[in-house]
Protein backbone atom coordinates (compact mmCIF):
# COMPACT_ATOMS: atom_id res chain seq x y z
CA MET A 1 20.58 -25.98 -5.86
CA GLU A 2 16.82 -25.42 -5.94
CA LYS A 3 15.88 -21.84 -6.67
CA PRO A 4 13.86 -19.95 -4.04
CA ILE A 5 10.31 -18.96 -4.86
CA LEU A 6 9.46 -15.36 -5.69
CA ALA A 7 5.69 -14.96 -5.69
CA THR A 8 3.54 -12.07 -6.93
CA ASN A 9 -0.09 -11.19 -7.39
CA ILE A 10 -1.41 -9.75 -10.65
CA ASP A 11 -4.16 -7.24 -9.83
CA GLY A 12 -2.59 -3.78 -9.66
CA PHE A 13 0.86 -5.28 -10.29
CA LEU A 14 1.28 -6.62 -13.82
CA ILE A 15 -2.24 -5.55 -14.76
CA GLU A 16 -3.77 -2.24 -13.69
CA HIS A 17 -6.45 -2.46 -11.03
CA SER A 18 -8.95 -0.90 -13.46
CA ALA A 19 -9.01 -4.19 -15.39
CA PHE A 20 -10.52 -5.86 -12.34
CA ILE A 21 -12.61 -3.04 -10.85
CA GLU A 22 -14.45 -2.09 -14.06
CA PRO A 23 -15.70 -5.67 -14.60
CA HIS A 24 -16.71 -5.63 -10.93
CA ARG A 25 -19.00 -2.67 -11.66
CA ILE A 26 -20.23 -4.35 -14.84
CA TRP A 27 -21.09 -7.45 -12.80
CA PHE A 28 -23.35 -5.51 -10.47
CA ASP A 29 -24.94 -3.63 -13.38
CA ARG A 30 -25.85 -7.03 -14.85
CA ALA A 31 -27.18 -8.23 -11.50
CA ILE A 32 -29.33 -5.10 -11.14
CA LEU A 33 -30.73 -5.65 -14.64
CA LEU A 34 -31.56 -9.30 -13.93
CA THR A 35 -33.03 -8.75 -10.46
CA LYS A 36 -34.51 -5.27 -11.04
CA ASP A 37 -33.05 -4.42 -7.62
CA ASP A 38 -31.27 -1.06 -7.70
CA SER A 39 -30.18 -1.43 -4.07
CA LEU A 40 -27.44 -3.81 -5.22
CA SER A 41 -25.48 -0.79 -6.45
CA LYS A 42 -24.34 -0.16 -2.86
CA TRP A 43 -22.04 -3.19 -3.14
CA LYS A 44 -19.96 -1.72 -5.98
CA GLY A 45 -16.46 -1.23 -4.58
CA HIS A 46 -17.53 -2.38 -1.12
CA PRO A 47 -14.81 -4.23 0.88
CA GLU A 48 -17.31 -7.03 1.56
CA TYR A 49 -18.75 -6.98 -1.96
CA PHE A 50 -19.24 -10.75 -2.05
CA LYS A 51 -22.14 -10.38 0.37
CA GLY A 52 -23.79 -8.42 -2.42
CA VAL A 53 -22.86 -11.12 -4.92
CA ASN A 54 -24.52 -13.74 -2.72
CA GLU A 55 -27.60 -11.56 -2.28
CA ALA A 56 -27.93 -11.07 -6.04
CA MET A 57 -27.30 -14.70 -6.96
CA GLU A 58 -29.92 -15.96 -4.50
CA LYS A 59 -32.45 -13.93 -6.51
CA ILE A 60 -31.04 -14.86 -9.93
CA MET A 61 -30.65 -18.61 -9.20
CA PRO A 62 -33.01 -19.33 -6.27
CA ASN A 63 -33.08 -23.10 -6.81
CA ALA A 64 -29.32 -23.57 -7.21
CA SER A 65 -26.84 -24.61 -4.52
CA LYS A 66 -24.47 -22.11 -2.92
CA GLU A 67 -21.58 -23.62 -4.92
CA GLU A 68 -23.50 -23.39 -8.19
CA ARG A 69 -24.42 -19.75 -7.57
CA THR A 70 -20.82 -18.86 -6.66
CA GLN A 71 -19.51 -20.68 -9.72
CA GLN A 72 -21.84 -18.80 -12.08
CA ALA A 73 -21.16 -15.44 -10.42
CA ARG A 74 -17.39 -15.84 -10.69
CA LYS A 75 -17.66 -17.16 -14.26
CA TRP A 76 -19.47 -13.99 -15.37
CA TYR A 77 -16.91 -11.79 -13.62
CA GLN A 78 -13.84 -13.59 -14.95
CA GLU A 79 -15.18 -13.54 -18.50
CA ASP A 80 -15.67 -9.78 -18.17
CA VAL A 81 -12.07 -9.39 -16.93
CA VAL A 82 -10.70 -11.31 -19.93
CA HIS A 83 -12.81 -9.23 -22.33
CA TYR A 84 -11.79 -5.95 -20.68
CA ILE A 85 -8.08 -6.75 -20.97
CA SER A 86 -8.47 -7.88 -24.58
CA ILE A 87 -9.84 -4.45 -25.59
CA HIS A 88 -7.59 -2.46 -23.24
CA PRO A 89 -4.05 -3.84 -23.78
CA GLU A 90 -2.64 -0.65 -22.25
CA VAL A 91 -3.55 -1.93 -18.76
CA VAL A 92 -0.72 -4.49 -18.95
CA ASN A 93 2.68 -3.41 -17.59
CA GLN A 94 4.99 -4.98 -20.17
CA LYS A 95 8.02 -3.19 -18.71
CA LEU A 96 7.43 -4.98 -15.41
CA ALA A 97 6.94 -8.25 -17.29
CA GLU A 98 10.42 -7.89 -18.78
CA SER A 99 11.88 -7.19 -15.33
CA LEU A 100 10.30 -10.36 -13.96
CA LYS A 101 11.67 -12.42 -16.82
CA LYS A 102 15.17 -11.30 -15.81
CA LEU A 103 14.57 -12.77 -12.36
CA LYS A 104 13.83 -16.26 -13.69
CA GLU A 105 17.53 -17.20 -13.60
CA ARG A 106 17.60 -16.71 -9.82
CA PHE A 107 14.04 -17.55 -8.78
CA THR A 108 11.15 -19.86 -9.39
CA LEU A 109 8.43 -17.34 -10.23
CA ALA A 110 4.98 -18.05 -8.81
CA LEU A 111 1.65 -16.32 -9.33
CA ILE A 112 -0.65 -16.58 -6.31
CA THR A 113 -4.06 -15.17 -7.15
CA THR A 114 -7.70 -15.23 -6.14
CA ASN A 115 -8.60 -15.26 -9.82
CA THR A 116 -9.89 -18.71 -10.68
CA GLU A 117 -8.10 -21.83 -11.89
CA GLU A 118 -10.45 -21.97 -14.87
CA TYR A 119 -9.75 -18.41 -16.06
CA ILE A 120 -6.30 -17.29 -14.91
CA ASN A 121 -4.60 -18.73 -17.99
CA LYS A 122 -7.12 -16.93 -20.21
CA ILE A 123 -6.29 -13.70 -18.36
CA LEU A 124 -2.57 -14.29 -18.91
CA GLU A 125 -3.14 -15.10 -22.58
CA ALA A 126 -5.19 -11.94 -23.13
CA SER A 127 -2.40 -9.98 -21.42
CA ASN A 128 0.47 -11.67 -23.31
CA LEU A 129 1.97 -12.76 -19.98
CA THR A 130 2.07 -16.54 -20.45
CA GLU A 131 5.86 -16.90 -20.36
CA ILE A 132 6.54 -15.44 -16.93
CA TYR A 133 5.42 -17.87 -14.23
CA ASP A 134 6.76 -21.31 -13.38
CA ILE A 135 3.95 -21.93 -10.87
CA ILE A 136 0.38 -20.63 -10.99
CA HIS A 137 -1.84 -21.11 -7.97
CA ALA A 138 -5.40 -19.79 -8.20
CA SER A 139 -8.70 -20.17 -6.40
CA LYS A 140 -11.48 -22.60 -7.19
CA LEU A 141 -14.40 -21.29 -9.24
CA GLU A 142 -17.02 -22.61 -6.82
CA GLU A 143 -15.41 -20.98 -3.75
CA GLU A 144 -15.52 -17.39 -2.61
CA PRO A 145 -12.16 -15.64 -3.22
CA SER A 146 -9.90 -15.65 -0.14
CA LYS A 147 -6.29 -14.43 -0.03
CA PHE A 148 -5.76 -16.29 3.24
CA GLN A 149 -6.92 -19.55 1.69
CA VAL A 150 -4.82 -19.35 -1.49
CA ALA A 151 -1.74 -18.40 0.57
CA GLN A 152 -2.16 -21.37 2.89
CA GLU A 153 -2.85 -23.75 0.00
CA PHE A 154 0.27 -22.53 -1.78
CA LYS A 155 2.46 -23.16 1.27
CA GLU A 156 1.07 -26.67 1.70
CA LYS A 157 1.65 -27.57 -1.95
CA TYR A 158 4.88 -25.75 -2.83
CA GLY A 159 6.48 -24.57 0.41
CA GLU A 160 7.23 -21.06 1.63
CA PRO A 161 7.98 -18.36 -0.95
CA LYS A 162 11.06 -16.34 -0.11
CA TYR A 163 9.48 -13.11 -1.39
CA TYR A 164 5.97 -11.93 -2.14
CA ILE A 165 5.76 -8.82 -4.34
CA ALA A 166 2.66 -6.73 -4.98
CA SER A 167 1.68 -3.14 -5.71
CA ARG A 168 -1.60 -2.90 -3.82
CA ASN A 169 -3.79 -4.66 -1.24
CA LYS A 170 -2.93 -4.34 2.43
CA GLU A 171 -4.63 -7.67 3.18
CA ALA A 172 -2.07 -9.58 1.11
CA PHE A 173 0.86 -7.91 2.90
CA GLU A 174 -0.71 -9.02 6.18
CA GLU A 175 -1.34 -12.62 5.08
CA PHE A 176 1.86 -13.60 3.30
CA PRO A 177 4.28 -13.12 6.23
CA LYS A 178 2.19 -15.86 7.91
CA ILE A 179 3.54 -18.32 5.33
CA GLY A 180 7.12 -17.11 5.70
CA ALA A 181 7.39 -14.61 2.85
CA ILE A 182 9.24 -11.31 2.92
CA CYS A 183 6.69 -8.86 1.52
CA ILE A 184 7.94 -6.31 -0.99
CA TYR A 185 5.82 -3.33 -2.00
CA PHE A 186 6.64 -2.32 -5.58
CA ALA A 187 5.59 1.28 -6.17
CA PRO A 188 7.18 2.74 -9.32
CA ASP A 189 4.66 5.55 -9.64
CA GLU A 190 3.45 6.65 -6.22
CA VAL A 191 4.09 5.29 -2.71
CA ASN A 192 1.07 4.57 -0.53
CA PRO A 193 2.20 5.23 3.08
CA GLU A 194 -0.23 2.65 4.49
CA LEU A 195 1.15 -0.11 2.26
CA LYS A 196 4.74 0.95 2.92
CA GLU A 197 4.03 0.61 6.63
CA VAL A 198 2.91 -3.02 6.43
CA ALA A 199 5.43 -4.24 3.80
CA SER A 200 8.88 -5.53 4.72
CA LYS A 201 10.49 -3.51 1.95
CA THR A 202 9.43 -0.85 -0.55
CA ILE A 203 10.97 -0.72 -4.03
CA THR A 204 10.33 2.15 -6.42
CA GLU A 205 12.79 1.40 -9.25
CA TYR A 206 12.66 -1.35 -11.86
CA SER A 207 16.43 -1.76 -11.64
CA GLU A 208 16.22 -2.41 -7.91
CA LEU A 209 13.53 -5.03 -8.49
CA GLU A 210 15.72 -6.80 -11.06
CA ASN A 211 18.58 -7.01 -8.54
CA ILE A 212 16.77 -8.80 -5.72
CA ASN A 213 19.08 -11.43 -4.26
CA GLY A 214 18.05 -15.00 -4.98
CA THR A 215 20.44 -16.90 -2.74
CA ASN A 216 18.80 -18.85 0.04
CA ASN A 217 21.45 -17.89 2.57
CA SER A 218 21.36 -14.17 1.83
CA THR A 219 20.57 -11.48 4.35
CA PRO A 220 16.95 -10.26 4.04
CA LEU A 221 16.44 -6.99 2.21
CA SER A 222 16.95 -3.88 4.26
CA THR A 223 14.04 -1.47 4.62
């Protein structure tokens, strides 16, 4: 019988959020240096930060197409993420990686990420996480990152995941039920009440994560 799909993200889950937010700040520092426009600093950590990326790239590459500017912007960022992880191996949760490997007997493990197709394998290699996922679905380098888009693309290509597990990002917990997934909030350190509210289930123990039921006809997890 075909194994159900258990999907996860990576930012804030297997890899600490700092590995993605610090390169985000570095990106805008580079943009400020290239454009000599200090006002770009207001986009650091902004929920709609890509508006700032577009603003900066229009100044840096005025004669390029939108796709070319987006591709270069994301290339710089992803390279910074890979470098950051390579010099900060402590950001990788190897204990969680071992728990996920134990689930491979019962599930097809999928990574659904807005990191790019061109760089996600480099991120996994730098993190020593290449042996976990059976399916990797990432965003295109020339497109702006969109959780809604990667979720819909995944469903069209692979079908509905049974579970989607993450440790941060309310937007993802709102999007993945739309493609049929039961959303699990994994919070081994501290529970965020807002995320607990939107998730289908909250898990705080590694042992509980390892014992998720993989049968297709099982009763959904209780809250």
